[in-house]
Amino acid sequence: MIEGKHLLQGQPRPSVRRAATLLDVSRSGYYDWKYRGPEAQYNPAQDPLKPEIERIIEKCQGYGYRRVTKQLQKEGFQVNHKRILRIMRENGLIIAKRRYRTTTTDSDHTNPVYPNLIRNLEIRRPNQVWAADITYISIERGFVYLAAVLDLLLRLFPTRVYYVCFLPMGWPNLP
């Protein structure tokens, strides 16, 4: 590599439009970079809104970027939720989403509890013990049930598999 020589020596320099297209950047971004200087580099730790965001999060724990944005707007700051989200991400201030888990088992009931008949059973041959379970899978327009039957010795599904798909009224028929 020859120091100080233009890459396209002997050829005319490409226009800004052509260079921006080749580098996949916008022309306005190029001019912004050219005239702002190195001291204008963005540093997320020095953002003037960071202390304000930290103050709000410390005062109101559990606030996400939407609530922080609303609070800053109430306090007179002209801010966009996208900017607040970016600042919070870059500074590690994002809170984890709460996971809601649906309870599917009710152990506190008056119904009889049946004993586990295979707890101490030694399984020696295929088709001696099968296990089954049913669940539902969320899809775009609701959910469908999935049932599975398993041979506990071989850990295989039976060779003949039957399926039934229950669809709400008004759904198109499946082929």
C-alpha atoms as a PDB file:
ATOM      1  CA  MET A   1       0.000   0.000   0.000  1.00  0.00           C
ATOM      2  CA  ILE A   2       1.418   3.352  -1.018  1.00  0.00           C
ATOM      3  CA  GLU A   3       0.967   5.981   1.678  1.00  0.00           C
ATOM      4  CA  GLY A   4      -0.564   9.325   0.719  1.00  0.00           C
ATOM      5  CA  LYS A   5      -1.646   8.377  -2.780  1.00  0.00           C
ATOM      6  CA  HIS A   6      -5.236   8.409  -3.952  1.00  0.00           C
ATOM      7  CA  LEU A   7      -6.775   4.975  -4.459  1.00  0.00           C
ATOM      8  CA  LEU A   8      -7.933   5.832  -7.971  1.00  0.00           C
ATOM      9  CA  GLN A   9      -4.752   7.620  -9.076  1.00  0.00           C
ATOM     10  CA  GLY A  10      -4.970   8.837 -12.625  1.00  0.00           C
ATOM     11  CA  GLN A  11      -8.772   8.653 -12.638  1.00  0.00           C
ATOM     12  CA  PRO A  12     -11.243  11.377 -11.769  1.00  0.00           C
ATOM     13  CA  ARG A  13     -12.584  11.244  -8.223  1.00  0.00           C
ATOM     14  CA  PRO A  14     -16.120   9.802  -8.040  1.00  0.00           C
ATOM     15  CA  SER A  15     -18.961  12.175  -7.262  1.00  0.00           C
ATOM     16  CA  VAL A  16     -20.401  12.226  -3.754  1.00  0.00           C
ATOM     17  CA  ARG A  17     -23.554  10.555  -5.076  1.00  0.00           C
ATOM     18  CA  ARG A  18     -21.559   7.716  -6.672  1.00  0.00           C
ATOM     19  CA  ALA A  19     -19.299   7.254  -3.638  1.00  0.00           C
ATOM     20  CA  ALA A  20     -22.285   7.233  -1.258  1.00  0.00           C
ATOM     21  CA  THR A  21     -24.022   4.630  -3.423  1.00  0.00           C
ATOM     22  CA  LEU A  22     -20.893   2.450  -3.520  1.00  0.00           C
ATOM     23  CA  LEU A  23     -20.430   2.722   0.261  1.00  0.00           C
ATOM     24  CA  ASP A  24     -24.161   2.282   0.961  1.00  0.00           C
ATOM     25  CA  VAL A  25     -24.482   5.519   2.942  1.00  0.00           C
ATOM     26  CA  SER A  26     -26.676   8.546   2.446  1.00  0.00           C
ATOM     27  CA  ARG A  27     -25.257  11.752   0.995  1.00  0.00           C
ATOM     28  CA  SER A  28     -26.581  13.731   3.952  1.00  0.00           C
ATOM     29  CA  GLY A  29     -24.827  11.320   6.307  1.00  0.00           C
ATOM     30  CA  TYR A  30     -21.577  11.825   4.419  1.00  0.00           C
ATOM     31  CA  TYR A  31     -21.813  15.630   4.639  1.00  0.00           C
ATOM     32  CA  ASP A  32     -22.801  15.426   8.300  1.00  0.00           C
ATOM     33  CA  TRP A  33     -19.704  13.317   8.997  1.00  0.00           C
ATOM     34  CA  LYS A  34     -17.462  15.576   6.886  1.00  0.00           C
ATOM     35  CA  TYR A  35     -18.378  18.843   8.615  1.00  0.00           C
ATOM     36  CA  ARG A  36     -19.019  17.889  12.246  1.00  0.00           C
ATOM     37  CA  GLY A  37     -15.461  16.906  13.220  1.00  0.00           C
ATOM     38  CA  PRO A  38     -14.156  14.133  15.461  1.00  0.00           C
ATOM     39  CA  GLU A  39     -15.178  15.807  18.736  1.00  0.00           C
ATOM     40  CA  ALA A  40     -18.845  15.422  17.790  1.00  0.00           C
ATOM     41  CA  GLN A  41     -18.713  11.622  17.973  1.00  0.00           C
ATOM     42  CA  TYR A  42     -21.691  10.280  19.912  1.00  0.00           C
ATOM     43  CA  ASN A  43     -20.886   8.817  23.325  1.00  0.00           C
ATOM     44  CA  PRO A  44     -23.862   7.141  25.032  1.00  0.00           C
ATOM     45  CA  ALA A  45     -22.341   7.587  28.502  1.00  0.00           C
ATOM     46  CA  GLN A  46     -22.236  11.374  28.025  1.00  0.00           C
ATOM     47  CA  ASP A  47     -25.819  11.805  26.822  1.00  0.00           C
ATOM     48  CA  PRO A  48     -27.392  14.703  28.763  1.00  0.00           C
ATOM     49  CA  LEU A  49     -30.608  12.707  29.272  1.00  0.00           C
ATOM     50  CA  LYS A  50     -28.857   9.757  30.956  1.00  0.00           C
ATOM     51  CA  PRO A  51     -28.878  11.266  34.490  1.00  0.00           C
ATOM     52  CA  GLU A  52     -32.543  12.237  34.091  1.00  0.00           C
ATOM     53  CA  ILE A  53     -33.462   8.718  32.969  1.00  0.00           C
ATOM     54  CA  GLU A  54     -31.488   7.197  35.854  1.00  0.00           C
ATOM     55  CA  ARG A  55     -33.253   9.530  38.315  1.00  0.00           C
ATOM     56  CA  ILE A  56     -36.692   8.485  37.038  1.00  0.00           C
ATOM     57  CA  ILE A  57     -35.804   4.778  37.090  1.00  0.00           C
ATOM     58  CA  GLU A  58     -34.412   5.069  40.618  1.00  0.00           C
ATOM     59  CA  LYS A  59     -37.527   6.904  41.805  1.00  0.00           C
ATOM     60  CA  CYS A  60     -40.025   4.676  39.980  1.00  0.00           C
ATOM     61  CA  GLN A  61     -38.549   1.193  39.711  1.00  0.00           C
ATOM     62  CA  GLY A  62     -40.174  -0.939  37.066  1.00  0.00           C
ATOM     63  CA  TYR A  63     -40.577   1.919  34.575  1.00  0.00           C
ATOM     64  CA  GLY A  64     -39.803   0.925  31.009  1.00  0.00           C
ATOM     65  CA  TYR A  65     -38.840   3.240  28.188  1.00  0.00           C
ATOM     66  CA  ARG A  66     -42.455   4.227  27.433  1.00  0.00           C
ATOM     67  CA  ARG A  67     -43.167   5.395  30.977  1.00  0.00           C
ATOM     68  CA  VAL A  68     -39.782   7.113  31.214  1.00  0.00           C
ATOM     69  CA  THR A  69     -40.550   8.952  27.964  1.00  0.00           C
ATOM     70  CA  LYS A  70     -43.954  10.091  29.272  1.00  0.00           C
ATOM     71  CA  GLN A  71     -42.391  11.270  32.544  1.00  0.00           C
ATOM     72  CA  LEU A  72     -39.675  13.232  30.735  1.00  0.00           C
ATOM     73  CA  GLN A  73     -42.314  14.829  28.500  1.00  0.00           C
ATOM     74  CA  LYS A  74     -44.312  15.820  31.612  1.00  0.00           C
ATOM     75  CA  GLU A  75     -41.157  17.445  32.972  1.00  0.00           C
ATOM     76  CA  GLY A  76     -40.799  19.544  29.814  1.00  0.00           C
ATOM     77  CA  PHE A  77     -38.234  17.585  27.796  1.00  0.00           C
ATOM     78  CA  GLN A  78     -38.941  17.226  24.090  1.00  0.00           C
ATOM     79  CA  VAL A  79     -37.991  13.583  23.611  1.00  0.00           C
ATOM     80  CA  ASN A  80     -38.914  10.704  21.383  1.00  0.00           C
ATOM     81  CA  HIS A  81     -39.496   7.173  22.721  1.00  0.00           C
ATOM     82  CA  LYS A  82     -36.947   5.810  20.230  1.00  0.00           C
ATOM     83  CA  ARG A  83     -34.208   8.028  21.651  1.00  0.00           C
ATOM     84  CA  ILE A  84     -35.053   7.037  25.228  1.00  0.00           C
ATOM     85  CA  LEU A  85     -35.041   3.344  24.272  1.00  0.00           C
ATOM     86  CA  ARG A  86     -31.634   3.739  22.580  1.00  0.00           C
ATOM     87  CA  ILE A  87     -30.124   5.551  25.575  1.00  0.00           C
ATOM     88  CA  MET A  88     -31.528   2.978  27.990  1.00  0.00           C
ATOM     89  CA  ARG A  89     -30.213   0.071  25.877  1.00  0.00           C
ATOM     90  CA  GLU A  90     -26.741   1.566  25.459  1.00  0.00           C
ATOM     91  CA  ASN A  91     -26.430   2.202  29.197  1.00  0.00           C
ATOM     92  CA  GLY A  92     -27.922  -1.088  30.410  1.00  0.00           C
ATOM     93  CA  LEU A  93     -31.040   0.511  31.910  1.00  0.00           C
ATOM     94  CA  ILE A  94     -33.646  -1.699  30.221  1.00  0.00           C
ATOM     95  CA  ILE A  95     -35.770  -3.714  32.632  1.00  0.00           C
ATOM     96  CA  ALA A  96     -36.592  -7.352  31.907  1.00  0.00           C
ATOM     97  CA  LYS A  97     -40.126  -8.063  30.726  1.00  0.00           C
ATOM     98  CA  ARG A  98     -42.369  -9.823  33.191  1.00  0.00           C
ATOM     99  CA  ARG A  99     -43.205 -13.325  32.104  1.00  0.00           C
ATOM    100  CA  TYR A 100     -46.779 -14.282  32.713  1.00  0.00           C
ATOM    101  CA  ARG A 101     -47.251 -17.990  33.201  1.00  0.00           C
ATOM    102  CA  THR A 102     -50.675 -19.549  32.962  1.00  0.00           C
ATOM    103  CA  THR A 103     -51.400 -21.950  35.804  1.00  0.00           C
ATOM    104  CA  THR A 104     -52.541 -25.234  34.309  1.00  0.00           C
ATOM    105  CA  THR A 105     -52.655 -27.436  37.404  1.00  0.00           C
ATOM    106  CA  ASP A 106     -54.930 -26.964  40.408  1.00  0.00           C
ATOM    107  CA  SER A 107     -53.510 -29.040  43.254  1.00  0.00           C
ATOM    108  CA  ASP A 108     -55.798 -27.487  45.859  1.00  0.00           C
ATOM    109  CA  HIS A 109     -59.029 -29.369  45.171  1.00  0.00           C
ATOM    110  CA  THR A 110     -61.372 -31.873  46.834  1.00  0.00           C
ATOM    111  CA  ASN A 111     -61.309 -34.432  44.004  1.00  0.00           C
ATOM    112  CA  PRO A 112     -59.654 -37.803  44.671  1.00  0.00           C
ATOM    113  CA  VAL A 113     -55.941 -38.101  43.863  1.00  0.00           C
ATOM    114  CA  TYR A 114     -55.140 -41.386  42.168  1.00  0.00           C
ATOM    115  CA  PRO A 115     -51.938 -43.302  42.984  1.00  0.00           C
ATOM    116  CA  ASN A 116     -49.043 -43.586  40.543  1.00  0.00           C
ATOM    117  CA  LEU A 117     -49.379 -47.216  39.378  1.00  0.00           C
ATOM    118  CA  ILE A 118     -46.045 -47.414  37.555  1.00  0.00           C
ATOM    119  CA  ARG A 119     -43.744 -45.786  40.123  1.00  0.00           C
ATOM    120  CA  ASN A 120     -41.936 -49.036  41.035  1.00  0.00           C
ATOM    121  CA  LEU A 121     -42.848 -51.017  37.905  1.00  0.00           C
ATOM    122  CA  GLU A 122     -39.975 -52.482  35.903  1.00  0.00           C
ATOM    123  CA  ILE A 123     -40.794 -52.037  32.222  1.00  0.00           C
ATOM    124  CA  ARG A 124     -39.510 -55.054  30.281  1.00  0.00           C
ATOM    125  CA  ARG A 125     -41.376 -55.201  26.964  1.00  0.00           C
ATOM    126  CA  PRO A 126     -42.801 -52.843  24.345  1.00  0.00           C
ATOM    127  CA  ASN A 127     -46.449 -51.840  24.671  1.00  0.00           C
ATOM    128  CA  GLN A 128     -46.385 -52.587  28.402  1.00  0.00           C
ATOM    129  CA  VAL A 129     -46.720 -48.904  29.437  1.00  0.00           C
ATOM    130  CA  TRP A 130     -47.681 -45.949  27.372  1.00  0.00           C
ATOM    131  CA  ALA A 131     -47.702 -42.326  28.443  1.00  0.00           C
ATOM    132  CA  ALA A 132     -49.868 -39.601  26.963  1.00  0.00           C
ATOM    133  CA  ASP A 133     -50.121 -35.848  27.207  1.00  0.00           C
ATOM    134  CA  ILE A 134     -52.129 -33.092  25.607  1.00  0.00           C
ATOM    135  CA  THR A 135     -51.330 -29.433  25.133  1.00  0.00           C
ATOM    136  CA  TYR A 136     -52.382 -26.567  22.958  1.00  0.00           C
ATOM    137  CA  ILE A 137     -50.374 -24.527  20.493  1.00  0.00           C
ATOM    138  CA  SER A 138     -51.193 -20.876  19.878  1.00  0.00           C
ATOM    139  CA  ILE A 139     -51.680 -19.987  16.238  1.00  0.00           C
ATOM    140  CA  GLU A 140     -52.681 -16.769  14.504  1.00  0.00           C
ATOM    141  CA  ARG A 141     -56.427 -17.251  14.936  1.00  0.00           C
ATOM    142  CA  GLY A 142     -56.591 -19.069  18.268  1.00  0.00           C
ATOM    143  CA  PHE A 143     -55.057 -22.413  19.151  1.00  0.00           C
ATOM    144  CA  VAL A 144     -55.043 -26.098  18.214  1.00  0.00           C
ATOM    145  CA  TYR A 145     -54.636 -29.125  20.466  1.00  0.00           C
ATOM    146  CA  LEU A 146     -51.684 -31.477  20.221  1.00  0.00           C
ATOM    147  CA  ALA A 147     -51.858 -34.921  21.812  1.00  0.00           C
ATOM    148  CA  ALA A 148     -48.930 -37.332  22.037  1.00  0.00           C
ATOM    149  CA  VAL A 149     -48.731 -41.021  23.023  1.00  0.00           C
ATOM    150  CA  LEU A 150     -45.357 -42.570  23.817  1.00  0.00           C
ATOM    151  CA  ASP A 151     -44.179 -46.124  24.512  1.00  0.00           C
ATOM    152  CA  LEU A 152     -42.094 -45.728  27.682  1.00  0.00           C
ATOM    153  CA  LEU A 153     -39.721 -48.617  26.956  1.00  0.00           C
ATOM    154  CA  LEU A 154     -38.787 -47.701  23.396  1.00  0.00           C
ATOM    155  CA  ARG A 155     -39.341 -43.931  23.810  1.00  0.00           C
ATOM    156  CA  LEU A 156     -41.020 -43.998  20.429  1.00  0.00           C
ATOM    157  CA  PHE A 157     -44.364 -42.869  19.144  1.00  0.00           C
ATOM    158  CA  PRO A 158     -46.630 -45.651  17.859  1.00  0.00           C
ATOM    159  CA  THR A 159     -46.342 -46.399  14.142  1.00  0.00           C
ATOM    160  CA  ARG A 160     -49.969 -45.466  13.495  1.00  0.00           C
ATOM    161  CA  VAL A 161     -50.604 -41.844  14.297  1.00  0.00           C
ATOM    162  CA  TYR A 162     -54.081 -40.384  14.232  1.00  0.00           C
ATOM    163  CA  TYR A 163     -54.815 -36.722  14.485  1.00  0.00           C
ATOM    164  CA  VAL A 164     -57.942 -34.740  14.997  1.00  0.00           C
ATOM    165  CA  CYS A 165     -58.007 -31.016  14.524  1.00  0.00           C
ATOM    166  CA  PHE A 166     -60.819 -29.108  16.225  1.00  0.00           C
ATOM    167  CA  LEU A 167     -61.473 -25.763  14.623  1.00  0.00           C
ATOM    168  CA  PRO A 168     -63.956 -23.107  15.769  1.00  0.00           C
ATOM    169  CA  MET A 169     -67.070 -22.523  13.696  1.00  0.00           C
ATOM    170  CA  GLY A 170     -66.467 -20.371  10.635  1.00  0.00           C
ATOM    171  CA  TRP A 171     -62.884 -21.489  10.042  1.00  0.00           C
ATOM    172  CA  PRO A 172     -61.983 -22.651   6.557  1.00  0.00           C
ATOM    173  CA  ASN A 173     -61.738 -26.416   6.172  1.00  0.00           C
ATOM    174  CA  LEU A 174     -58.268 -27.897   6.095  1.00  0.00           C
ATOM    175  CA  PRO A 175     -57.310 -30.194   3.196  1.00  0.00           C
END
